[in-house]
Amino acid sequence: MSEQPSRNKRLQKKLYMGEWAILGFEFSFKLTEASDEQYEAFFNSLEKLVGTEELYISLDNNSESFEGSVTSAQRYGNATEEDRTAIETFLNSHDIVSEVKVGALVDAFYEM
């Protein structure tokens, strides 16, 4: 039986554990065939949303789909359920986006 070692608050903070854990979420979607202008408009709108909500986003793609993760841009800040809803609503509102999946809030350092 393994027990978690006891760590002092200073070490917990450095390791982003306990009360300093950072919450984030993952998401994925696919883009349908569209014009360059539609793609540009979509990604510019996504960039504006992320900036307005003060979020960090990472986005990777392969030939068929995009996968990303979202965290707060504030130090020791957390992504929220409202942020999850905003990203999901944004993705579902675009005609060129399909197969949207938005994950639950999890510890961004240890579960994503």
PDB file of N, CA and C in Angstrom:
ATOM      1  N   MET A   1       0.844  -1.176   0.000  1.00  0.00           N
ATOM      2  CA  MET A   1       0.000   0.000   0.000  1.00  0.00           C
ATOM      3  C   MET A   1       0.891   1.240   0.000  1.00  0.00           C
ATOM      4  N   SER A   2       0.729   2.087  -1.004  1.00  0.00           N
ATOM      5  CA  SER A   2       1.561   3.281  -1.071  1.00  0.00           C
ATOM      6  C   SER A   2       0.777   4.482  -0.578  1.00  0.00           C
ATOM      7  N   GLU A   3       1.430   5.271   0.227  1.00  0.00           N
ATOM      8  CA  GLU A   3       0.817   6.491   0.749  1.00  0.00           C
ATOM      9  C   GLU A   3       1.493   7.684   0.105  1.00  0.00           C
ATOM     10  N   GLN A   4       0.733   8.749  -0.089  1.00  0.00           N
ATOM     11  CA  GLN A   4       1.297   9.974  -0.616  1.00  0.00           C
ATOM     12  C   GLN A   4       2.195  10.594   0.446  1.00  0.00           C
ATOM     13  N   PRO A   5       3.401  10.995   0.081  1.00  0.00           N
ATOM     14  CA  PRO A   5       4.274  11.618   1.068  1.00  0.00           C
ATOM     15  C   PRO A   5       3.723  12.964   1.509  1.00  0.00           C
ATOM     16  N   SER A   6       3.984  13.299   2.744  1.00  0.00           N
ATOM     17  CA  SER A   6       3.551  14.587   3.280  1.00  0.00           C
ATOM     18  C   SER A   6       4.500  15.667   2.764  1.00  0.00           C
ATOM     19  N   ARG A   7       3.949  16.717   2.202  1.00  0.00           N
ATOM     20  CA  ARG A   7       4.771  17.805   1.670  1.00  0.00           C
ATOM     21  C   ARG A   7       4.362  19.108   2.342  1.00  0.00           C
ATOM     22  N   ASN A   8       5.354  19.946   2.629  1.00  0.00           N
ATOM     23  CA  ASN A   8       5.027  21.241   3.223  1.00  0.00           C
ATOM     24  C   ASN A   8       4.416  22.159   2.162  1.00  0.00           C
ATOM     25  N   LYS A   9       3.830  23.249   2.615  1.00  0.00           N
ATOM     26  CA  LYS A   9       3.109  24.148   1.706  1.00  0.00           C
ATOM     27  C   LYS A   9       4.017  24.739   0.632  1.00  0.00           C
ATOM     28  N   ARG A  10       5.258  25.047   0.981  1.00  0.00           N
ATOM     29  CA  ARG A  10       6.187  25.619   0.004  1.00  0.00           C
ATOM     30  C   ARG A  10       6.426  24.648  -1.148  1.00  0.00           C
ATOM     31  N   LEU A  11       6.639  23.390  -0.829  1.00  0.00           N
ATOM     32  CA  LEU A  11       6.859  22.389  -1.863  1.00  0.00           C
ATOM     33  C   LEU A  11       5.580  22.118  -2.660  1.00  0.00           C
ATOM     34  N   GLN A  12       4.437  22.111  -1.975  1.00  0.00           N
ATOM     35  CA  GLN A  12       3.166  21.930  -2.688  1.00  0.00           C
ATOM     36  C   GLN A  12       2.972  23.044  -3.715  1.00  0.00           C
ATOM     37  N   LYS A  13       3.314  24.274  -3.337  1.00  0.00           N
ATOM     38  CA  LYS A  13       3.165  25.403  -4.256  1.00  0.00           C
ATOM     39  C   LYS A  13       4.071  25.240  -5.469  1.00  0.00           C
ATOM     40  N   LYS A  14       5.330  24.846  -5.240  1.00  0.00           N
ATOM     41  CA  LYS A  14       6.270  24.657  -6.339  1.00  0.00           C
ATOM     42  C   LYS A  14       5.838  23.533  -7.276  1.00  0.00           C
ATOM     43  N   LEU A  15       5.172  22.534  -6.722  1.00  0.00           N
ATOM     44  CA  LEU A  15       4.722  21.393  -7.517  1.00  0.00           C
ATOM     45  C   LEU A  15       3.286  21.539  -8.023  1.00  0.00           C
ATOM     46  N   TYR A  16       2.671  22.704  -7.767  1.00  0.00           N
ATOM     47  CA  TYR A  16       1.283  22.961  -8.168  1.00  0.00           C
ATOM     48  C   TYR A  16       0.357  21.867  -7.652  1.00  0.00           C
ATOM     49  N   MET A  17       0.447  21.616  -6.361  1.00  0.00           N
ATOM     50  CA  MET A  17      -0.377  20.586  -5.726  1.00  0.00           C
ATOM     51  C   MET A  17      -1.284  21.225  -4.684  1.00  0.00           C
ATOM     52  N   GLY A  18      -2.279  20.451  -4.250  1.00  0.00           N
ATOM     53  CA  GLY A  18      -3.167  20.926  -3.192  1.00  0.00           C
ATOM     54  C   GLY A  18      -3.900  22.179  -3.606  1.00  0.00           C
ATOM     55  N   GLU A  19      -3.846  23.187  -2.752  1.00  0.00           N
ATOM     56  CA  GLU A  19      -4.574  24.425  -3.031  1.00  0.00           C
ATOM     57  C   GLU A  19      -3.999  25.203  -4.214  1.00  0.00           C
ATOM     58  N   TRP A  20      -2.809  24.834  -4.685  1.00  0.00           N
ATOM     59  CA  TRP A  20      -2.194  25.512  -5.833  1.00  0.00           C
ATOM     60  C   TRP A  20      -2.344  24.722  -7.129  1.00  0.00           C
ATOM     61  N   ALA A  21      -3.134  23.687  -7.121  1.00  0.00           N
ATOM     62  CA  ALA A  21      -3.372  22.910  -8.344  1.00  0.00           C
ATOM     63  C   ALA A  21      -4.019  23.806  -9.399  1.00  0.00           C
ATOM     64  N   ILE A  22      -3.628  23.622 -10.627  1.00  0.00           N
ATOM     65  CA  ILE A  22      -4.155  24.392 -11.752  1.00  0.00           C
ATOM     66  C   ILE A  22      -5.118  23.499 -12.525  1.00  0.00           C
ATOM     67  N   LEU A  23      -6.355  23.979 -12.691  1.00  0.00           N
ATOM     68  CA  LEU A  23      -7.358  23.210 -13.426  1.00  0.00           C
ATOM     69  C   LEU A  23      -7.410  23.643 -14.882  1.00  0.00           C
ATOM     70  N   GLY A  24      -7.613  22.694 -15.736  1.00  0.00           N
ATOM     71  CA  GLY A  24      -7.761  22.943 -17.159  1.00  0.00           C
ATOM     72  C   GLY A  24      -8.609  21.848 -17.767  1.00  0.00           C
ATOM     73  N   PHE A  25      -8.772  21.886 -19.079  1.00  0.00           N
ATOM     74  CA  PHE A  25      -9.553  20.853 -19.761  1.00  0.00           C
ATOM     75  C   PHE A  25      -9.032  20.662 -21.169  1.00  0.00           C
ATOM     76  N   GLU A  26      -9.344  19.505 -21.723  1.00  0.00           N
ATOM     77  CA  GLU A  26      -8.953  19.180 -23.080  1.00  0.00           C
ATOM     78  C   GLU A  26     -10.181  19.211 -23.989  1.00  0.00           C
ATOM     79  N   PHE A  27      -9.945  19.407 -25.268  1.00  0.00           N
ATOM     80  CA  PHE A  27     -11.042  19.410 -26.238  1.00  0.00           C
ATOM     81  C   PHE A  27     -10.514  18.927 -27.578  1.00  0.00           C
ATOM     82  N   SER A  28     -11.433  18.523 -28.437  1.00  0.00           N
ATOM     83  CA  SER A  28     -11.067  18.121 -29.796  1.00  0.00           C
ATOM     84  C   SER A  28     -12.215  18.452 -30.739  1.00  0.00           C
ATOM     85  N   PHE A  29     -11.869  18.576 -32.018  1.00  0.00           N
ATOM     86  CA  PHE A  29     -12.874  18.843 -33.048  1.00  0.00           C
ATOM     87  C   PHE A  29     -12.272  18.550 -34.409  1.00  0.00           C
ATOM     88  N   LYS A  30     -13.132  18.483 -35.397  1.00  0.00           N
ATOM     89  CA  LYS A  30     -12.705  18.319 -36.786  1.00  0.00           C
ATOM     90  C   LYS A  30     -13.199  19.519 -37.579  1.00  0.00           C
ATOM     91  N   LEU A  31     -12.439  19.879 -38.601  1.00  0.00           N
ATOM     92  CA  LEU A  31     -12.839  20.945 -39.517  1.00  0.00           C
ATOM     93  C   LEU A  31     -13.228  20.329 -40.848  1.00  0.00           C
ATOM     94  N   THR A  32     -14.317  20.815 -41.414  1.00  0.00           N
ATOM     95  CA  THR A  32     -14.750  20.355 -42.728  1.00  0.00           C
ATOM     96  C   THR A  32     -14.057  21.192 -43.799  1.00  0.00           C
ATOM     97  N   GLU A  33     -14.219  20.789 -45.029  1.00  0.00           N
ATOM     98  CA  GLU A  33     -13.663  21.547 -46.145  1.00  0.00           C
ATOM     99  C   GLU A  33     -14.260  22.946 -46.156  1.00  0.00           C
ATOM    100  N   ALA A  34     -13.394  23.936 -46.291  1.00  0.00           N
ATOM    101  CA  ALA A  34     -13.846  25.330 -46.326  1.00  0.00           C
ATOM    102  C   ALA A  34     -12.799  26.164 -47.046  1.00  0.00           C
ATOM    103  N   SER A  35     -13.138  27.403 -47.280  1.00  0.00           N
ATOM    104  CA  SER A  35     -12.203  28.310 -47.942  1.00  0.00           C
ATOM    105  C   SER A  35     -11.156  28.804 -46.939  1.00  0.00           C
ATOM    106  N   ASP A  36     -10.073  29.332 -47.467  1.00  0.00           N
ATOM    107  CA  ASP A  36      -9.030  29.890 -46.605  1.00  0.00           C
ATOM    108  C   ASP A  36      -9.586  31.025 -45.743  1.00  0.00           C
ATOM    109  N   GLU A  37     -10.509  31.809 -46.310  1.00  0.00           N
ATOM    110  CA  GLU A  37     -11.102  32.918 -45.570  1.00  0.00           C
ATOM    111  C   GLU A  37     -11.927  32.415 -44.383  1.00  0.00           C
ATOM    112  N   GLN A  38     -12.646  31.304 -44.583  1.00  0.00           N
ATOM    113  CA  GLN A  38     -13.440  30.741 -43.493  1.00  0.00           C
ATOM    114  C   GLN A  38     -12.534  30.204 -42.379  1.00  0.00           C
ATOM    115  N   TYR A  39     -11.465  29.539 -42.768  1.00  0.00           N
ATOM    116  CA  TYR A  39     -10.510  29.050 -41.766  1.00  0.00           C
ATOM    117  C   TYR A  39      -9.896  30.215 -40.996  1.00  0.00           C
ATOM    118  N   GLU A  40      -9.496  31.248 -41.721  1.00  0.00           N
ATOM    119  CA  GLU A  40      -8.891  32.411 -41.088  1.00  0.00           C
ATOM    120  C   GLU A  40      -9.865  33.089 -40.130  1.00  0.00           C
ATOM    121  N   ALA A  41     -11.113  33.247 -40.551  1.00  0.00           N
ATOM    122  CA  ALA A  41     -12.128  33.860 -39.692  1.00  0.00           C
ATOM    123  C   ALA A  41     -12.352  33.019 -38.437  1.00  0.00           C
ATOM    124  N   PHE A  42     -12.397  31.687 -38.593  1.00  0.00           N
ATOM    125  CA  PHE A  42     -12.592  30.792 -37.458  1.00  0.00           C
ATOM    126  C   PHE A  42     -11.454  30.927 -36.447  1.00  0.00           C
ATOM    127  N   PHE A  43     -10.214  30.834 -36.916  1.00  0.00           N
ATOM    128  CA  PHE A  43      -9.077  30.889 -35.989  1.00  0.00           C
ATOM    129  C   PHE A  43      -8.894  32.277 -35.384  1.00  0.00           C
ATOM    130  N   ASN A  44      -9.224  33.339 -36.126  1.00  0.00           N
ATOM    131  CA  ASN A  44      -9.179  34.691 -35.547  1.00  0.00           C
ATOM    132  C   ASN A  44     -10.223  34.841 -34.452  1.00  0.00           C
ATOM    133  N   SER A  45     -11.410  34.281 -34.660  1.00  0.00           N
ATOM    134  CA  SER A  45     -12.466  34.333 -33.638  1.00  0.00           C
ATOM    135  C   SER A  45     -12.070  33.537 -32.404  1.00  0.00           C
ATOM    136  N   LEU A  46     -11.451  32.382 -32.613  1.00  0.00           N
ATOM    137  CA  LEU A  46     -10.982  31.571 -31.481  1.00  0.00           C
ATOM    138  C   LEU A  46      -9.919  32.331 -30.691  1.00  0.00           C
ATOM    139  N   GLU A  47      -8.994  32.959 -31.386  1.00  0.00           N
ATOM    140  CA  GLU A  47      -7.954  33.749 -30.728  1.00  0.00           C
ATOM    141  C   GLU A  47      -8.567  34.890 -29.912  1.00  0.00           C
ATOM    142  N   LYS A  48      -9.577  35.549 -30.466  1.00  0.00           N
ATOM    143  CA  LYS A  48     -10.234  36.648 -29.755  1.00  0.00           C
ATOM    144  C   LYS A  48     -10.933  36.139 -28.495  1.00  0.00           C
ATOM    145  N   LEU A  49     -11.630  35.001 -28.586  1.00  0.00           N
ATOM    146  CA  LEU A  49     -12.306  34.418 -27.428  1.00  0.00           C
ATOM    147  C   LEU A  49     -11.310  34.075 -26.334  1.00  0.00           C
ATOM    148  N   VAL A  50     -10.215  33.432 -26.700  1.00  0.00           N
ATOM    149  CA  VAL A  50      -9.198  33.031 -25.731  1.00  0.00           C
ATOM    150  C   VAL A  50      -8.596  34.261 -25.054  1.00  0.00           C
ATOM    151  N   GLY A  51      -8.332  35.307 -25.808  1.00  0.00           N
ATOM    152  CA  GLY A  51      -7.784  36.538 -25.243  1.00  0.00           C
ATOM    153  C   GLY A  51      -8.759  37.240 -24.318  1.00  0.00           C
ATOM    154  N   THR A  52     -10.017  37.293 -24.721  1.00  0.00           N
ATOM    155  CA  THR A  52     -11.051  37.944 -23.913  1.00  0.00           C
ATOM    156  C   THR A  52     -11.256  37.232 -22.579  1.00  0.00           C
ATOM    157  N   GLU A  53     -11.220  35.904 -22.609  1.00  0.00           N
ATOM    158  CA  GLU A  53     -11.454  35.102 -21.399  1.00  0.00           C
ATOM    159  C   GLU A  53     -10.171  34.909 -20.580  1.00  0.00           C
ATOM    160  N   GLU A  54      -9.052  35.467 -21.037  1.00  0.00           N
ATOM    161  CA  GLU A  54      -7.749  35.332 -20.368  1.00  0.00           C
ATOM    162  C   GLU A  54      -7.373  33.868 -20.156  1.00  0.00           C
ATOM    163  N   LEU A  55      -7.311  33.145 -21.276  1.00  0.00           N
ATOM    164  CA  LEU A  55      -6.976  31.727 -21.248  1.00  0.00           C
ATOM    165  C   LEU A  55      -5.709  31.470 -22.048  1.00  0.00           C
ATOM    166  N   TYR A  56      -5.040  30.375 -21.726  1.00  0.00           N
ATOM    167  CA  TYR A  56      -3.971  29.841 -22.560  1.00  0.00           C
ATOM    168  C   TYR A  56      -4.556  28.635 -23.266  1.00  0.00           C
ATOM    169  N   ILE A  57      -4.211  28.500 -24.529  1.00  0.00           N
ATOM    170  CA  ILE A  57      -4.705  27.359 -25.294  1.00  0.00           C
ATOM    171  C   ILE A  57      -3.534  26.763 -26.070  1.00  0.00           C
ATOM    172  N   SER A  58      -3.470  25.462 -26.091  1.00  0.00           N
ATOM    173  CA  SER A  58      -2.518  24.781 -26.967  1.00  0.00           C
ATOM    174  C   SER A  58      -3.354  23.982 -27.951  1.00  0.00           C
ATOM    175  N   LEU A  59      -2.903  23.931 -29.176  1.00  0.00           N
ATOM    176  CA  LEU A  59      -3.689  23.281 -30.219  1.00  0.00           C
ATOM    177  C   LEU A  59      -2.758  22.491 -31.119  1.00  0.00           C
ATOM    178  N   ASP A  60      -3.032  21.214 -31.269  1.00  0.00           N
ATOM    179  CA  ASP A  60      -2.272  20.332 -32.155  1.00  0.00           C
ATOM    180  C   ASP A  60      -3.234  19.782 -33.192  1.00  0.00           C
ATOM    181  N   ASN A  61      -2.708  19.537 -34.376  1.00  0.00           N
ATOM    182  CA  ASN A  61      -3.570  18.930 -35.389  1.00  0.00           C
ATOM    183  C   ASN A  61      -2.828  17.866 -36.164  1.00  0.00           C
ATOM    184  N   ASN A  62      -3.603  16.937 -36.665  1.00  0.00           N
ATOM    185  CA  ASN A  62      -3.086  15.993 -37.648  1.00  0.00           C
ATOM    186  C   ASN A  62      -3.923  16.202 -38.895  1.00  0.00           C
ATOM    187  N   SER A  63      -3.873  15.328 -39.826  1.00  0.00           N
ATOM    188  CA  SER A  63      -4.572  15.561 -41.082  1.00  0.00           C
ATOM    189  C   SER A  63      -6.087  15.567 -40.946  1.00  0.00           C
ATOM    190  N   GLU A  64      -6.621  15.037 -39.844  1.00  0.00           N
ATOM    191  CA  GLU A  64      -8.072  14.932 -39.733  1.00  0.00           C
ATOM    192  C   GLU A  64      -8.700  15.712 -38.590  1.00  0.00           C
ATOM    193  N   SER A  65      -7.971  15.932 -37.506  1.00  0.00           N
ATOM    194  CA  SER A  65      -8.620  16.565 -36.355  1.00  0.00           C
ATOM    195  C   SER A  65      -7.668  17.460 -35.588  1.00  0.00           C
ATOM    196  N   PHE A  66      -8.257  18.259 -34.720  1.00  0.00           N
ATOM    197  CA  PHE A  66      -7.511  19.147 -33.835  1.00  0.00           C
ATOM    198  C   PHE A  66      -7.755  18.695 -32.401  1.00  0.00           C
ATOM    199  N   GLU A  67      -6.713  18.756 -31.584  1.00  0.00           N
ATOM    200  CA  GLU A  67      -6.823  18.471 -30.166  1.00  0.00           C
ATOM    201  C   GLU A  67      -6.152  19.614 -29.425  1.00  0.00           C
ATOM    202  N   GLY A  68      -6.746  20.006 -28.318  1.00  0.00           N
ATOM    203  CA  GLY A  68      -6.164  21.110 -27.575  1.00  0.00           C
ATOM    204  C   GLY A  68      -6.415  21.008 -26.093  1.00  0.00           C
ATOM    205  N   SER A  69      -5.757  21.898 -25.369  1.00  0.00           N
ATOM    206  CA  SER A  69      -5.979  22.008 -23.936  1.00  0.00           C
ATOM    207  C   SER A  69      -6.083  23.486 -23.578  1.00  0.00           C
ATOM    208  N   VAL A  70      -6.803  23.750 -22.496  1.00  0.00           N
ATOM    209  CA  VAL A  70      -7.067  25.119 -22.071  1.00  0.00           C
ATOM    210  C   VAL A  70      -6.774  25.250 -20.582  1.00  0.00           C
ATOM    211  N   THR A  71      -6.054  26.306 -20.224  1.00  0.00           N
ATOM    212  CA  THR A  71      -5.837  26.673 -18.823  1.00  0.00           C
ATOM    213  C   THR A  71      -5.987  28.179 -18.701  1.00  0.00           C
ATOM    214  N   SER A  72      -6.006  28.662 -17.479  1.00  0.00           N
ATOM    215  CA  SER A  72      -6.103  30.099 -17.242  1.00  0.00           C
ATOM    216  C   SER A  72      -4.772  30.765 -17.537  1.00  0.00           C
ATOM    217  N   ALA A  73      -4.818  31.996 -18.019  1.00  0.00           N
ATOM    218  CA  ALA A  73      -3.600  32.768 -18.256  1.00  0.00           C
ATOM    219  C   ALA A  73      -3.100  33.425 -16.975  1.00  0.00           C
ATOM    220  N   GLN A  74      -3.885  33.377 -15.922  1.00  0.00           N
ATOM    221  CA  GLN A  74      -3.492  33.978 -14.650  1.00  0.00           C
ATOM    222  C   GLN A  74      -2.653  32.996 -13.845  1.00  0.00           C
ATOM    223  N   ARG A  75      -1.641  33.499 -13.177  1.00  0.00           N
ATOM    224  CA  ARG A  75      -0.805  32.637 -12.346  1.00  0.00           C
ATOM    225  C   ARG A  75      -1.658  32.028 -11.246  1.00  0.00           C
ATOM    226  N   TYR A  76      -1.597  30.751 -11.099  1.00  0.00           N
ATOM    227  CA  TYR A  76      -2.402  29.981 -10.147  1.00  0.00           C
ATOM    228  C   TYR A  76      -3.898  30.124 -10.413  1.00  0.00           C
ATOM    229  N   GLY A  77      -4.273  30.574 -11.607  1.00  0.00           N
ATOM    230  CA  GLY A  77      -5.678  30.667 -11.977  1.00  0.00           C
ATOM    231  C   GLY A  77      -6.147  29.348 -12.562  1.00  0.00           C
ATOM    232  N   ASN A  78      -7.426  29.152 -12.559  1.00  0.00           N
ATOM    233  CA  ASN A  78      -8.016  27.917 -13.063  1.00  0.00           C
ATOM    234  C   ASN A  78      -8.986  28.207 -14.202  1.00  0.00           C
ATOM    235  N   ALA A  79      -9.040  27.295 -15.142  1.00  0.00           N
ATOM    236  CA  ALA A  79     -10.129  27.317 -16.111  1.00  0.00           C
ATOM    237  C   ALA A  79     -11.399  26.968 -15.329  1.00  0.00           C
ATOM    238  N   THR A  80     -12.533  27.456 -15.785  1.00  0.00           N
ATOM    239  CA  THR A  80     -13.786  27.263 -15.063  1.00  0.00           C
ATOM    240  C   THR A  80     -14.810  26.540 -15.943  1.00  0.00           C
ATOM    241  N   GLU A  81     -15.914  26.165 -15.319  1.00  0.00           N
ATOM    242  CA  GLU A  81     -17.027  25.575 -16.090  1.00  0.00           C
ATOM    243  C   GLU A  81     -17.526  26.567 -17.133  1.00  0.00           C
ATOM    244  N   GLU A  82     -17.509  27.863 -16.810  1.00  0.00           N
ATOM    245  CA  GLU A  82     -17.926  28.881 -17.774  1.00  0.00           C
ATOM    246  C   GLU A  82     -16.987  28.893 -18.982  1.00  0.00           C
ATOM    247  N   ASP A  83     -15.690  28.702 -18.738  1.00  0.00           N
ATOM    248  CA  ASP A  83     -14.730  28.639 -19.838  1.00  0.00           C
ATOM    249  C   ASP A  83     -14.998  27.416 -20.713  1.00  0.00           C
ATOM    250  N   ARG A  84     -15.280  26.290 -20.088  1.00  0.00           N
ATOM    251  CA  ARG A  84     -15.612  25.066 -20.836  1.00  0.00           C
ATOM    252  C   ARG A  84     -16.827  25.309 -21.721  1.00  0.00           C
ATOM    253  N   THR A  85     -17.855  25.909 -21.126  1.00  0.00           N
ATOM    254  CA  THR A  85     -19.086  26.186 -21.863  1.00  0.00           C
ATOM    255  C   THR A  85     -18.832  27.163 -23.010  1.00  0.00           C
ATOM    256  N   ALA A  86     -18.017  28.189 -22.768  1.00  0.00           N
ATOM    257  CA  ALA A  86     -17.719  29.176 -23.811  1.00  0.00           C
ATOM    258  C   ALA A  86     -16.997  28.536 -24.996  1.00  0.00           C
ATOM    259  N   ILE A  87     -16.020  27.683 -24.732  1.00  0.00           N
ATOM    260  CA  ILE A  87     -15.286  27.014 -25.808  1.00  0.00           C
ATOM    261  C   ILE A  87     -16.209  26.061 -26.565  1.00  0.00           C
ATOM    262  N   GLU A  88     -17.000  25.287 -25.832  1.00  0.00           N
ATOM    263  CA  GLU A  88     -17.920  24.338 -26.473  1.00  0.00           C
ATOM    264  C   GLU A  88     -18.958  25.068 -27.318  1.00  0.00           C
ATOM    265  N   THR A  89     -19.534  26.134 -26.801  1.00  0.00           N
ATOM    266  CA  THR A  89     -20.526  26.920 -27.536  1.00  0.00           C
ATOM    267  C   THR A  89     -19.899  27.530 -28.786  1.00  0.00           C
ATOM    268  N   PHE A  90     -18.691  28.075 -28.630  1.00  0.00           N
ATOM    269  CA  PHE A  90     -17.992  28.667 -29.766  1.00  0.00           C
ATOM    270  C   PHE A  90     -17.782  27.636 -30.872  1.00  0.00           C
ATOM    271  N   LEU A  91     -17.247  26.473 -30.516  1.00  0.00           N
ATOM    272  CA  LEU A  91     -16.968  25.447 -31.521  1.00  0.00           C
ATOM    273  C   LEU A  91     -18.243  24.964 -32.199  1.00  0.00           C
ATOM    274  N   ASN A  92     -19.303  24.762 -31.418  1.00  0.00           N
ATOM    275  CA  ASN A  92     -20.560  24.278 -31.997  1.00  0.00           C
ATOM    276  C   ASN A  92     -21.266  25.321 -32.844  1.00  0.00           C
ATOM    277  N   SER A  93     -20.908  26.591 -32.696  1.00  0.00           N
ATOM    278  CA  SER A  93     -21.583  27.655 -33.445  1.00  0.00           C
ATOM    279  C   SER A  93     -21.018  27.848 -34.856  1.00  0.00           C
ATOM    280  N   HIS A  94     -19.930  27.176 -35.185  1.00  0.00           N
ATOM    281  CA  HIS A  94     -19.318  27.329 -36.508  1.00  0.00           C
ATOM    282  C   HIS A  94     -19.670  26.156 -37.414  1.00  0.00           C
ATOM    283  N   ASP A  95     -20.113  26.496 -38.608  1.00  0.00           N
ATOM    284  CA  ASP A  95     -20.534  25.482 -39.579  1.00  0.00           C
ATOM    285  C   ASP A  95     -19.393  24.578 -40.030  1.00  0.00           C
ATOM    286  N   ILE A  96     -18.171  25.074 -39.998  1.00  0.00           N
ATOM    287  CA  ILE A  96     -17.046  24.278 -40.490  1.00  0.00           C
ATOM    288  C   ILE A  96     -16.488  23.324 -39.433  1.00  0.00           C
ATOM    289  N   VAL A  97     -17.062  23.333 -38.227  1.00  0.00           N
ATOM    290  CA  VAL A  97     -16.584  22.497 -37.120  1.00  0.00           C
ATOM    291  C   VAL A  97     -17.544  21.331 -36.906  1.00  0.00           C
ATOM    292  N   SER A  98     -16.971  20.137 -36.698  1.00  0.00           N
ATOM    293  CA  SER A  98     -17.787  18.965 -36.397  1.00  0.00           C
ATOM    294  C   SER A  98     -17.109  18.133 -35.313  1.00  0.00           C
ATOM    295  N   GLU A  99     -17.855  17.182 -34.790  1.00  0.00           N
ATOM    296  CA  GLU A  99     -17.360  16.227 -33.792  1.00  0.00           C
ATOM    297  C   GLU A  99     -16.652  16.906 -32.614  1.00  0.00           C
ATOM    298  N   VAL A 100     -17.329  17.859 -32.003  1.00  0.00           N
ATOM    299  CA  VAL A 100     -16.777  18.600 -30.870  1.00  0.00           C
ATOM    300  C   VAL A 100     -16.846  17.748 -29.610  1.00  0.00           C
ATOM    301  N   LYS A 101     -15.733  17.662 -28.907  1.00  0.00           N
ATOM    302  CA  LYS A 101     -15.675  16.983 -27.615  1.00  0.00           C
ATOM    303  C   LYS A 101     -14.930  17.884 -26.644  1.00  0.00           C
ATOM    304  N   VAL A 102     -15.533  18.147 -25.492  1.00  0.00           N
ATOM    305  CA  VAL A 102     -14.906  18.980 -24.469  1.00  0.00           C
ATOM    306  C   VAL A 102     -14.866  18.165 -23.182  1.00  0.00           C
ATOM    307  N   GLY A 103     -13.674  17.999 -22.646  1.00  0.00           N
ATOM    308  CA  GLY A 103     -13.486  17.186 -21.447  1.00  0.00           C
ATOM    309  C   GLY A 103     -13.815  17.937 -20.160  1.00  0.00           C
ATOM    310  N   ALA A 104     -13.755  17.209 -19.079  1.00  0.00           N
ATOM    311  CA  ALA A 104     -14.023  17.761 -17.752  1.00  0.00           C
ATOM    312  C   ALA A 104     -12.807  18.540 -17.244  1.00  0.00           C
ATOM    313  N   LEU A 105     -13.036  19.373 -16.239  1.00  0.00           N
ATOM    314  CA  LEU A 105     -11.931  20.072 -15.588  1.00  0.00           C
ATOM    315  C   LEU A 105     -11.088  19.063 -14.827  1.00  0.00           C
ATOM    316  N   VAL A 106      -9.785  19.115 -15.037  1.00  0.00           N
ATOM    317  CA  VAL A 106      -8.852  18.216 -14.366  1.00  0.00           C
ATOM    318  C   VAL A 106      -7.594  18.991 -13.967  1.00  0.00           C
ATOM    319  N   ASP A 107      -6.756  18.371 -13.159  1.00  0.00           N
ATOM    320  CA  ASP A 107      -5.484  18.957 -12.766  1.00  0.00           C
ATOM    321  C   ASP A 107      -4.593  19.026 -13.995  1.00  0.00           C
ATOM    322  N   ALA A 108      -4.263  20.237 -14.422  1.00  0.00           N
ATOM    323  CA  ALA A 108      -3.534  20.440 -15.670  1.00  0.00           C
ATOM    324  C   ALA A 108      -2.109  19.903 -15.622  1.00  0.00           C
ATOM    325  N   PHE A 109      -1.504  19.812 -14.454  1.00  0.00           N
ATOM    326  CA  PHE A 109      -0.124  19.332 -14.349  1.00  0.00           C
ATOM    327  C   PHE A 109      -0.038  17.821 -14.251  1.00  0.00           C
ATOM    328  N   TYR A 110      -1.040  17.189 -13.681  1.00  0.00           N
ATOM    329  CA  TYR A 110      -0.916  15.771 -13.379  1.00  0.00           C
ATOM    330  C   TYR A 110      -1.960  14.882 -14.044  1.00  0.00           C
ATOM    331  N   GLU A 111      -2.959  15.454 -14.726  1.00  0.00           N
ATOM    332  CA  GLU A 111      -3.996  14.625 -15.328  1.00  0.00           C
ATOM    333  C   GLU A 111      -4.236  14.905 -16.810  1.00  0.00           C
ATOM    334  N   MET A 112      -3.568  15.890 -17.369  1.00  0.00           N
ATOM    335  CA  MET A 112      -3.770  16.189 -18.791  1.00  0.00           C
ATOM    336  C   MET A 112      -2.611  15.650 -19.596  1.00  0.00           C
TER     337      MET A 112
END
